[in-house]
Amino acid sequence: MAFIDIGFGNMVSEKRLVCVAGSESAPIRRLVQDARDRGALVDCSSGKKSKAVLVTDSGHIILSSLPPEEISAALEDLKNEEKK
């Protein structure tokens, strides 16, 4: 099982990720609020502004202060490493 660093020493399993999105759009903000209301929000931003929202296959929403591009690059690096 491979893990991706999402900032501040927090890791998430790459096999459980469904989506990595920016946090600025209204639909994503509604998704975050809905997850907060149902107790499925995991805030890994350590008090910083959330820049990326990660959606898992279990329905949990994870907030990260890293930009989505950085998380996407980490996913690509991991996939390239697995191919070797």
N, C-alpha and C. Protein backbone atom coordinates (compact mmCIF):
# COMPACT_ATOMS: atom_id res chain seq x y z
N MET A 1 0.85 -1.17 0.00
CA MET A 1 0.00 0.00 0.00
C MET A 1 0.89 1.24 0.00
N ALA A 2 0.60 2.19 -0.87
CA ALA A 2 1.41 3.39 -0.99
C ALA A 2 0.66 4.59 -0.39
N PHE A 3 1.41 5.44 0.27
CA PHE A 3 0.85 6.63 0.89
C PHE A 3 1.42 7.88 0.25
N ILE A 4 0.61 8.93 0.23
CA ILE A 4 1.01 10.21 -0.33
C ILE A 4 1.01 11.24 0.80
N ASP A 5 2.08 12.03 0.85
CA ASP A 5 2.19 13.10 1.84
C ASP A 5 1.26 14.24 1.42
N ILE A 6 0.36 14.64 2.30
CA ILE A 6 -0.56 15.74 1.99
C ILE A 6 -0.28 16.97 2.86
N GLY A 7 0.91 17.00 3.45
CA GLY A 7 1.35 18.16 4.22
C GLY A 7 1.33 17.93 5.71
N PHE A 8 2.28 18.57 6.37
CA PHE A 8 2.40 18.55 7.83
C PHE A 8 2.51 17.13 8.39
N GLY A 9 3.14 16.23 7.64
CA GLY A 9 3.35 14.87 8.11
C GLY A 9 2.13 13.98 7.98
N ASN A 10 1.08 14.46 7.35
CA ASN A 10 -0.13 13.67 7.16
C ASN A 10 -0.03 12.89 5.85
N MET A 11 -0.54 11.67 5.88
CA MET A 11 -0.47 10.79 4.71
C MET A 11 -1.86 10.25 4.40
N VAL A 12 -2.08 9.92 3.12
CA VAL A 12 -3.33 9.31 2.70
C VAL A 12 -2.99 8.18 1.72
N SER A 13 -3.75 7.11 1.78
CA SER A 13 -3.53 5.97 0.89
C SER A 13 -3.95 6.34 -0.52
N GLU A 14 -3.06 6.14 -1.48
CA GLU A 14 -3.37 6.50 -2.86
C GLU A 14 -4.44 5.59 -3.46
N LYS A 15 -4.59 4.39 -2.94
CA LYS A 15 -5.61 3.47 -3.45
C LYS A 15 -7.02 3.87 -3.03
N ARG A 16 -7.14 4.67 -1.98
CA ARG A 16 -8.46 5.08 -1.49
C ARG A 16 -8.94 6.39 -2.10
N LEU A 17 -8.06 7.11 -2.81
CA LEU A 17 -8.43 8.40 -3.39
C LEU A 17 -9.31 8.24 -4.61
N VAL A 18 -10.35 9.03 -4.67
CA VAL A 18 -11.24 9.07 -5.82
C VAL A 18 -10.98 10.35 -6.61
N CYS A 19 -10.74 11.46 -5.89
CA CYS A 19 -10.64 12.76 -6.53
C CYS A 19 -9.78 13.70 -5.70
N VAL A 20 -9.03 14.56 -6.39
CA VAL A 20 -8.32 15.67 -5.75
C VAL A 20 -8.80 16.93 -6.45
N ALA A 21 -9.39 17.85 -5.70
CA ALA A 21 -9.97 19.06 -6.29
C ALA A 21 -9.51 20.29 -5.54
N GLY A 22 -9.59 21.43 -6.21
CA GLY A 22 -9.33 22.70 -5.56
C GLY A 22 -10.47 23.03 -4.62
N SER A 23 -10.22 23.91 -3.68
CA SER A 23 -11.22 24.18 -2.65
C SER A 23 -12.03 25.44 -2.89
N GLU A 24 -11.87 26.09 -4.03
CA GLU A 24 -12.48 27.39 -4.24
C GLU A 24 -13.90 27.37 -4.79
N SER A 25 -14.30 26.33 -5.50
CA SER A 25 -15.60 26.35 -6.16
C SER A 25 -16.74 26.11 -5.16
N ALA A 26 -17.90 26.63 -5.49
CA ALA A 26 -19.07 26.49 -4.62
C ALA A 26 -19.49 25.03 -4.44
N PRO A 27 -19.49 24.20 -5.49
CA PRO A 27 -19.87 22.79 -5.27
C PRO A 27 -18.93 22.05 -4.32
N ILE A 28 -17.65 22.35 -4.39
CA ILE A 28 -16.68 21.71 -3.49
C ILE A 28 -16.89 22.21 -2.06
N ARG A 29 -17.15 23.50 -1.90
CA ARG A 29 -17.42 24.03 -0.56
C ARG A 29 -18.67 23.40 0.05
N ARG A 30 -19.70 23.15 -0.79
CA ARG A 30 -20.91 22.47 -0.30
C ARG A 30 -20.59 21.03 0.10
N LEU A 31 -19.73 20.37 -0.69
CA LEU A 31 -19.31 19.00 -0.38
C LEU A 31 -18.60 18.95 0.97
N VAL A 32 -17.73 19.93 1.21
CA VAL A 32 -17.01 20.00 2.49
C VAL A 32 -17.98 20.25 3.63
N GLN A 33 -18.92 21.16 3.46
CA GLN A 33 -19.89 21.46 4.52
C GLN A 33 -20.77 20.24 4.82
N ASP A 34 -21.17 19.53 3.78
CA ASP A 34 -21.97 18.32 3.96
C ASP A 34 -21.19 17.26 4.75
N ALA A 35 -19.91 17.10 4.41
CA ALA A 35 -19.07 16.14 5.13
C ALA A 35 -18.89 16.56 6.59
N ARG A 36 -18.76 17.86 6.82
CA ARG A 36 -18.63 18.37 8.20
C ARG A 36 -19.90 18.05 8.99
N ASP A 37 -21.05 18.25 8.37
CA ASP A 37 -22.33 18.01 9.04
C ASP A 37 -22.53 16.53 9.39
N ARG A 38 -22.06 15.63 8.53
CA ARG A 38 -22.27 14.20 8.79
C ARG A 38 -21.08 13.54 9.49
N GLY A 39 -20.07 14.33 9.87
CA GLY A 39 -18.93 13.82 10.63
C GLY A 39 -17.93 13.05 9.80
N ALA A 40 -17.84 13.35 8.51
CA ALA A 40 -16.92 12.62 7.62
C ALA A 40 -15.82 13.52 7.09
N LEU A 41 -15.55 14.64 7.78
CA LEU A 41 -14.51 15.57 7.34
C LEU A 41 -13.26 15.35 8.16
N VAL A 42 -12.12 15.26 7.47
CA VAL A 42 -10.82 15.14 8.13
C VAL A 42 -10.01 16.35 7.70
N ASP A 43 -9.72 17.25 8.64
CA ASP A 43 -8.99 18.47 8.33
C ASP A 43 -7.51 18.27 8.63
N CYS A 44 -6.72 18.13 7.59
CA CYS A 44 -5.27 17.93 7.73
C CYS A 44 -4.51 19.19 7.34
N SER A 45 -5.14 20.33 7.41
CA SER A 45 -4.51 21.57 6.98
C SER A 45 -3.75 22.28 8.12
N SER A 46 -3.85 21.77 9.31
CA SER A 46 -3.15 22.33 10.49
C SER A 46 -3.41 23.83 10.67
N GLY A 47 -4.63 24.24 10.47
CA GLY A 47 -4.99 25.63 10.68
C GLY A 47 -4.70 26.55 9.52
N LYS A 48 -4.07 26.05 8.48
CA LYS A 48 -3.78 26.84 7.29
C LYS A 48 -4.99 26.84 6.37
N LYS A 49 -4.95 27.69 5.36
CA LYS A 49 -6.03 27.72 4.37
C LYS A 49 -6.02 26.43 3.58
N SER A 50 -7.18 25.81 3.43
CA SER A 50 -7.29 24.57 2.65
C SER A 50 -7.24 24.90 1.17
N LYS A 51 -6.31 24.28 0.46
CA LYS A 51 -6.18 24.51 -0.98
C LYS A 51 -6.65 23.31 -1.79
N ALA A 52 -6.61 22.12 -1.18
CA ALA A 52 -7.03 20.91 -1.89
C ALA A 52 -8.03 20.14 -1.05
N VAL A 53 -8.97 19.53 -1.75
CA VAL A 53 -9.99 18.69 -1.12
C VAL A 53 -9.84 17.31 -1.74
N LEU A 54 -9.62 16.31 -0.89
CA LEU A 54 -9.45 14.94 -1.36
C LEU A 54 -10.70 14.14 -0.99
N VAL A 55 -11.24 13.43 -1.96
CA VAL A 55 -12.42 12.61 -1.75
C VAL A 55 -11.98 11.16 -1.77
N THR A 56 -12.42 10.40 -0.77
CA THR A 56 -12.04 8.99 -0.69
C THR A 56 -13.21 8.10 -1.07
N ASP A 57 -12.90 6.84 -1.32
CA ASP A 57 -13.94 5.89 -1.70
C ASP A 57 -14.87 5.55 -0.55
N SER A 58 -14.50 5.88 0.67
CA SER A 58 -15.36 5.63 1.83
C SER A 58 -16.31 6.79 2.09
N GLY A 59 -16.21 7.86 1.29
CA GLY A 59 -17.07 9.02 1.48
C GLY A 59 -16.48 10.08 2.38
N HIS A 60 -15.28 9.87 2.89
CA HIS A 60 -14.63 10.87 3.72
C HIS A 60 -14.04 11.96 2.84
N ILE A 61 -14.02 13.17 3.37
CA ILE A 61 -13.46 14.31 2.69
C ILE A 61 -12.26 14.77 3.52
N ILE A 62 -11.11 14.94 2.86
CA ILE A 62 -9.88 15.32 3.55
C ILE A 62 -9.44 16.67 3.01
N LEU A 63 -9.14 17.60 3.92
CA LEU A 63 -8.66 18.92 3.54
C LEU A 63 -7.14 18.97 3.69
N SER A 64 -6.48 19.57 2.71
CA SER A 64 -5.04 19.71 2.73
C SER A 64 -4.66 21.14 2.38
N SER A 65 -3.58 21.63 2.97
CA SER A 65 -3.11 22.98 2.66
C SER A 65 -2.19 22.99 1.44
N LEU A 66 -1.83 21.82 0.94
CA LEU A 66 -1.04 21.76 -0.29
C LEU A 66 -1.94 22.00 -1.49
N PRO A 67 -1.42 22.64 -2.54
CA PRO A 67 -2.24 22.83 -3.75
C PRO A 67 -2.49 21.49 -4.45
N PRO A 68 -3.61 21.37 -5.17
CA PRO A 68 -3.94 20.13 -5.86
C PRO A 68 -2.86 19.69 -6.84
N GLU A 69 -2.19 20.65 -7.47
CA GLU A 69 -1.13 20.33 -8.43
C GLU A 69 0.02 19.57 -7.76
N GLU A 70 0.34 19.96 -6.54
CA GLU A 70 1.43 19.31 -5.80
C GLU A 70 1.05 17.88 -5.41
N ILE A 71 -0.19 17.68 -5.02
CA ILE A 71 -0.66 16.34 -4.67
C ILE A 71 -0.72 15.47 -5.93
N SER A 72 -1.17 16.05 -7.03
CA SER A 72 -1.22 15.33 -8.30
C SER A 72 0.18 14.92 -8.75
N ALA A 73 1.15 15.80 -8.58
CA ALA A 73 2.53 15.48 -8.94
C ALA A 73 3.05 14.34 -8.08
N ALA A 74 2.70 14.33 -6.80
CA ALA A 74 3.12 13.24 -5.91
C ALA A 74 2.50 11.92 -6.36
N LEU A 75 1.23 11.95 -6.80
CA LEU A 75 0.58 10.75 -7.32
C LEU A 75 1.28 10.24 -8.58
N GLU A 76 1.62 11.16 -9.47
CA GLU A 76 2.33 10.77 -10.71
C GLU A 76 3.69 10.17 -10.39
N ASP A 77 4.42 10.78 -9.47
CA ASP A 77 5.73 10.25 -9.07
C ASP A 77 5.59 8.84 -8.51
N LEU A 78 4.55 8.62 -7.72
CA LEU A 78 4.31 7.31 -7.13
C LEU A 78 4.01 6.28 -8.21
N LYS A 79 3.19 6.65 -9.18
CA LYS A 79 2.86 5.73 -10.27
C LYS A 79 4.07 5.42 -11.13
N ASN A 80 4.90 6.42 -11.39
CA ASN A 80 6.13 6.20 -12.17
C ASN A 80 7.10 5.29 -11.41
N GLU A 81 7.15 5.44 -10.11
CA GLU A 81 8.01 4.61 -9.27
C GLU A 81 7.54 3.15 -9.27
N GLU A 82 6.22 2.95 -9.28
CA GLU A 82 5.66 1.60 -9.29
C GLU A 82 5.94 0.90 -10.61
N LYS A 83 6.03 1.65 -11.70
CA LYS A 83 6.28 1.06 -13.02
C LYS A 83 7.70 0.53 -13.15
N LYS A 84 8.61 1.10 -12.38
CA LYS A 84 10.02 0.70 -12.47
C LYS A 84 10.29 -0.62 -11.84
